[in-house]
């Protein structure tokens, strides 16, 4: 039996959108927290090579990884949300 046989398509779409929007909020919170902590955007953080500047400390390395994940997550999730909404408007 297929999932669409058990759950209507609009319920699945709403559930996926809700999950994506939650992730987007978490990614944006991480992005804003780290922007505030380092007083730069992620792009500036990378360009200035802050990880090297701060002596490759574990804290800064971890922040860099978390920040990159958040920035990429924002881009990816926003793209997915837009595609779902565009498909919905096309119907």
N, C-alpha and C. Protein backbone atom coordinates (compact mmCIF):
# COMPACT_ATOMS: atom_id res chain seq x y z
N UNK A 1 0.85 -1.18 0.00
CA UNK A 1 0.00 0.00 0.00
C UNK A 1 0.90 1.24 0.00
N UNK A 2 0.52 2.22 -0.79
CA UNK A 2 1.30 3.45 -0.90
C UNK A 2 0.88 4.45 0.17
N UNK A 3 1.82 5.31 0.52
CA UNK A 3 1.56 6.34 1.53
C UNK A 3 0.39 7.24 1.12
N UNK A 4 0.32 7.57 -0.17
CA UNK A 4 -0.78 8.42 -0.65
C UNK A 4 -2.14 7.76 -0.52
N UNK A 5 -2.16 6.43 -0.43
CA UNK A 5 -3.42 5.72 -0.20
C UNK A 5 -3.88 5.89 1.25
N UNK A 6 -2.94 6.14 2.15
CA UNK A 6 -3.25 6.28 3.58
C UNK A 6 -3.47 7.73 4.01
N UNK A 7 -2.69 8.64 3.41
CA UNK A 7 -2.72 10.04 3.82
C UNK A 7 -2.95 10.91 2.59
N UNK A 8 -3.92 11.80 2.63
CA UNK A 8 -4.17 12.68 1.47
C UNK A 8 -2.94 13.53 1.14
N UNK A 9 -2.75 13.80 -0.15
CA UNK A 9 -1.59 14.54 -0.63
C UNK A 9 -1.45 15.91 0.05
N UNK A 10 -2.56 16.61 0.25
CA UNK A 10 -2.46 17.94 0.87
C UNK A 10 -1.98 17.86 2.32
N UNK A 11 -2.32 16.78 3.03
CA UNK A 11 -1.83 16.60 4.40
C UNK A 11 -0.32 16.35 4.40
N UNK A 12 0.14 15.55 3.46
CA UNK A 12 1.59 15.30 3.34
C UNK A 12 2.33 16.59 3.02
N UNK A 13 1.80 17.36 2.08
CA UNK A 13 2.42 18.62 1.68
C UNK A 13 2.49 19.56 2.88
N UNK A 14 1.40 19.67 3.62
CA UNK A 14 1.37 20.55 4.80
C UNK A 14 2.37 20.09 5.86
N UNK A 15 2.48 18.79 6.06
CA UNK A 15 3.42 18.25 7.05
C UNK A 15 4.86 18.53 6.63
N UNK A 16 5.15 18.35 5.36
CA UNK A 16 6.50 18.60 4.86
C UNK A 16 6.83 20.09 4.97
N UNK A 17 5.90 20.94 4.56
CA UNK A 17 6.12 22.39 4.67
C UNK A 17 6.34 22.81 6.12
N UNK A 18 5.56 22.26 7.01
CA UNK A 18 5.70 22.58 8.43
C UNK A 18 7.09 22.18 8.95
N UNK A 19 7.53 20.99 8.58
CA UNK A 19 8.86 20.52 9.00
C UNK A 19 9.96 21.40 8.41
N UNK A 20 9.84 21.73 7.12
CA UNK A 20 10.84 22.59 6.48
C UNK A 20 10.87 23.97 7.15
N UNK A 21 9.71 24.50 7.48
CA UNK A 21 9.67 25.82 8.11
C UNK A 21 10.30 25.80 9.50
N UNK A 22 10.13 24.70 10.23
CA UNK A 22 10.80 24.56 11.54
C UNK A 22 12.31 24.54 11.38
N UNK A 23 12.78 23.76 10.41
CA UNK A 23 14.22 23.69 10.16
C UNK A 23 14.77 25.05 9.75
N UNK A 24 14.01 25.75 8.92
CA UNK A 24 14.43 27.08 8.45
C UNK A 24 14.61 28.03 9.63
N UNK A 25 13.69 27.99 10.58
CA UNK A 25 13.80 28.83 11.77
C UNK A 25 15.06 28.48 12.56
N UNK A 26 15.33 27.19 12.74
CA UNK A 26 16.53 26.78 13.47
C UNK A 26 17.81 27.20 12.76
N UNK A 27 17.83 27.04 11.45
CA UNK A 27 19.01 27.48 10.67
C UNK A 27 19.20 28.99 10.77
N UNK A 28 18.12 29.72 10.68
CA UNK A 28 18.22 31.19 10.78
C UNK A 28 18.66 31.63 12.17
N UNK A 29 18.19 30.95 13.20
CA UNK A 29 18.64 31.26 14.56
C UNK A 29 20.14 31.04 14.71
N UNK A 30 20.64 29.95 14.17
CA UNK A 30 22.08 29.68 14.20
C UNK A 30 22.83 30.76 13.45
N UNK A 31 22.36 31.11 12.26
CA UNK A 31 23.00 32.15 11.46
C UNK A 31 23.04 33.47 12.22
N UNK A 32 21.94 33.87 12.81
CA UNK A 32 21.88 35.14 13.54
C UNK A 32 22.76 35.12 14.79
N UNK A 33 22.75 34.00 15.49
CA UNK A 33 23.57 33.88 16.71
C UNK A 33 25.06 34.04 16.38
N UNK A 34 25.48 33.39 15.30
CA UNK A 34 26.89 33.45 14.94
C UNK A 34 27.27 34.79 14.30
N UNK A 35 26.33 35.40 13.59
CA UNK A 35 26.58 36.76 13.07
C UNK A 35 26.84 37.71 14.23
N UNK A 36 26.03 37.57 15.26
CA UNK A 36 26.17 38.42 16.43
C UNK A 36 27.48 38.13 17.18
N UNK A 37 27.81 36.84 17.33
CA UNK A 37 29.01 36.44 18.06
C UNK A 37 30.27 36.95 17.39
N UNK A 38 30.33 36.87 16.06
CA UNK A 38 31.55 37.25 15.34
C UNK A 38 31.45 38.62 14.66
N UNK A 39 30.29 39.24 14.73
CA UNK A 39 30.05 40.58 14.15
C UNK A 39 30.33 40.65 12.65
N UNK A 40 30.11 39.54 11.97
CA UNK A 40 30.26 39.48 10.51
C UNK A 40 29.27 38.47 9.95
N UNK A 41 29.05 38.54 8.64
CA UNK A 41 28.25 37.50 7.97
C UNK A 41 29.13 36.26 7.77
N UNK A 42 28.52 35.15 7.41
CA UNK A 42 29.30 33.93 7.18
C UNK A 42 30.30 34.14 6.05
N UNK A 43 29.89 34.86 5.01
CA UNK A 43 30.79 35.12 3.88
C UNK A 43 32.02 35.91 4.34
N UNK A 44 31.81 36.91 5.17
CA UNK A 44 32.93 37.69 5.70
C UNK A 44 33.80 36.84 6.64
N UNK A 45 33.16 36.01 7.43
CA UNK A 45 33.85 35.09 8.33
C UNK A 45 34.82 34.21 7.53
N UNK A 46 34.32 33.67 6.43
CA UNK A 46 35.15 32.81 5.57
C UNK A 46 36.26 33.63 4.89
N UNK A 47 35.89 34.78 4.35
CA UNK A 47 36.84 35.61 3.63
C UNK A 47 37.99 36.05 4.53
N UNK A 48 37.66 36.40 5.78
CA UNK A 48 38.69 36.84 6.73
C UNK A 48 39.48 35.68 7.32
N UNK A 49 39.03 34.45 7.03
CA UNK A 49 39.65 33.24 7.56
C UNK A 49 39.75 33.33 9.09
N UNK A 50 38.62 33.57 9.71
CA UNK A 50 38.55 33.75 11.16
C UNK A 50 39.04 32.51 11.91
N UNK A 51 38.81 31.34 11.34
CA UNK A 51 39.25 30.11 12.01
C UNK A 51 40.77 30.15 12.21
N UNK A 52 41.49 30.53 11.16
CA UNK A 52 42.95 30.63 11.26
C UNK A 52 43.34 31.77 12.20
N UNK A 53 42.63 32.90 12.04
CA UNK A 53 42.90 34.09 12.86
C UNK A 53 42.77 33.79 14.35
N UNK A 54 41.82 32.91 14.70
CA UNK A 54 41.58 32.55 16.10
C UNK A 54 42.38 31.32 16.54
N UNK A 55 43.37 30.94 15.75
CA UNK A 55 44.26 29.86 16.14
C UNK A 55 43.69 28.46 16.02
N UNK A 56 42.72 28.28 15.13
CA UNK A 56 42.12 26.97 14.88
C UNK A 56 41.55 26.33 16.15
N UNK A 57 41.02 27.15 17.04
CA UNK A 57 40.43 26.60 18.28
C UNK A 57 39.21 25.74 17.93
N UNK A 58 38.95 24.74 18.78
CA UNK A 58 37.82 23.84 18.54
C UNK A 58 36.51 24.62 18.51
N UNK A 59 36.35 25.59 19.39
CA UNK A 59 35.12 26.37 19.44
C UNK A 59 34.86 27.06 18.10
N UNK A 60 35.88 27.70 17.55
CA UNK A 60 35.72 28.43 16.29
C UNK A 60 35.52 27.46 15.13
N UNK A 61 36.24 26.35 15.15
CA UNK A 61 36.06 25.32 14.12
C UNK A 61 34.63 24.79 14.13
N UNK A 62 34.13 24.50 15.32
CA UNK A 62 32.76 23.99 15.47
C UNK A 62 31.74 25.03 15.00
N UNK A 63 31.97 26.29 15.39
CA UNK A 63 31.09 27.36 14.94
C UNK A 63 31.09 27.46 13.42
N UNK A 64 32.28 27.35 12.81
CA UNK A 64 32.39 27.44 11.35
C UNK A 64 31.59 26.32 10.69
N UNK A 65 31.69 25.10 11.22
CA UNK A 65 30.94 23.98 10.66
C UNK A 65 29.44 24.16 10.85
N UNK A 66 29.04 24.55 12.05
CA UNK A 66 27.62 24.78 12.32
C UNK A 66 27.07 25.89 11.44
N UNK A 67 27.85 26.95 11.28
CA UNK A 67 27.41 28.11 10.50
C UNK A 67 27.27 27.73 9.02
N UNK A 68 28.26 27.02 8.50
CA UNK A 68 28.19 26.60 7.10
C UNK A 68 26.97 25.71 6.89
N UNK A 69 26.74 24.79 7.81
CA UNK A 69 25.57 23.91 7.72
C UNK A 69 24.28 24.73 7.74
N UNK A 70 24.21 25.73 8.59
CA UNK A 70 23.02 26.57 8.69
C UNK A 70 22.80 27.38 7.41
N UNK A 71 23.86 27.97 6.90
CA UNK A 71 23.74 28.79 5.68
C UNK A 71 23.31 27.93 4.49
N UNK A 72 23.92 26.77 4.35
CA UNK A 72 23.53 25.86 3.27
C UNK A 72 22.11 25.33 3.49
N UNK A 73 21.77 25.07 4.75
CA UNK A 73 20.43 24.61 5.08
C UNK A 73 19.37 25.65 4.73
N UNK A 74 19.66 26.90 5.01
CA UNK A 74 18.72 27.99 4.67
C UNK A 74 18.48 28.00 3.16
N UNK A 75 19.56 27.95 2.40
CA UNK A 75 19.45 27.97 0.94
C UNK A 75 18.65 26.77 0.44
N UNK A 76 19.00 25.59 0.90
CA UNK A 76 18.36 24.36 0.46
C UNK A 76 16.88 24.31 0.84
N UNK A 77 16.59 24.58 2.10
CA UNK A 77 15.21 24.50 2.58
C UNK A 77 14.33 25.57 1.92
N UNK A 78 14.88 26.78 1.77
CA UNK A 78 14.10 27.84 1.12
C UNK A 78 13.77 27.46 -0.32
N UNK A 79 14.74 26.84 -0.99
CA UNK A 79 14.51 26.38 -2.36
C UNK A 79 13.40 25.32 -2.40
N UNK A 80 13.45 24.38 -1.47
CA UNK A 80 12.42 23.34 -1.40
C UNK A 80 11.03 23.92 -1.12
N UNK A 81 10.96 24.85 -0.16
CA UNK A 81 9.69 25.49 0.17
C UNK A 81 9.14 26.21 -1.06
N UNK A 82 9.99 26.95 -1.75
CA UNK A 82 9.55 27.68 -2.95
C UNK A 82 9.03 26.73 -4.02
N UNK A 83 9.71 25.61 -4.23
CA UNK A 83 9.27 24.64 -5.24
C UNK A 83 7.92 24.03 -4.87
N UNK A 84 7.74 23.71 -3.60
CA UNK A 84 6.46 23.13 -3.16
C UNK A 84 5.34 24.15 -3.37
N UNK A 85 5.58 25.39 -2.97
CA UNK A 85 4.56 26.43 -3.11
C UNK A 85 4.27 26.74 -4.58
N UNK A 86 5.29 26.72 -5.43
CA UNK A 86 5.08 26.95 -6.86
C UNK A 86 4.26 25.80 -7.46
N UNK A 87 4.57 24.58 -7.07
CA UNK A 87 3.82 23.43 -7.57
C UNK A 87 2.37 23.52 -7.11
N UNK A 88 2.16 23.97 -5.89
CA UNK A 88 0.81 24.11 -5.36
C UNK A 88 0.03 25.18 -6.11
N UNK A 89 0.70 26.27 -6.46
CA UNK A 89 0.05 27.35 -7.21
C UNK A 89 -0.24 26.95 -8.65
N UNK A 90 0.54 26.00 -9.17
CA UNK A 90 0.34 25.53 -10.53
C UNK A 90 -0.84 24.60 -10.69
N UNK A 91 -1.32 24.08 -9.57
CA UNK A 91 -2.45 23.13 -9.63
C UNK A 91 -3.77 23.84 -9.66
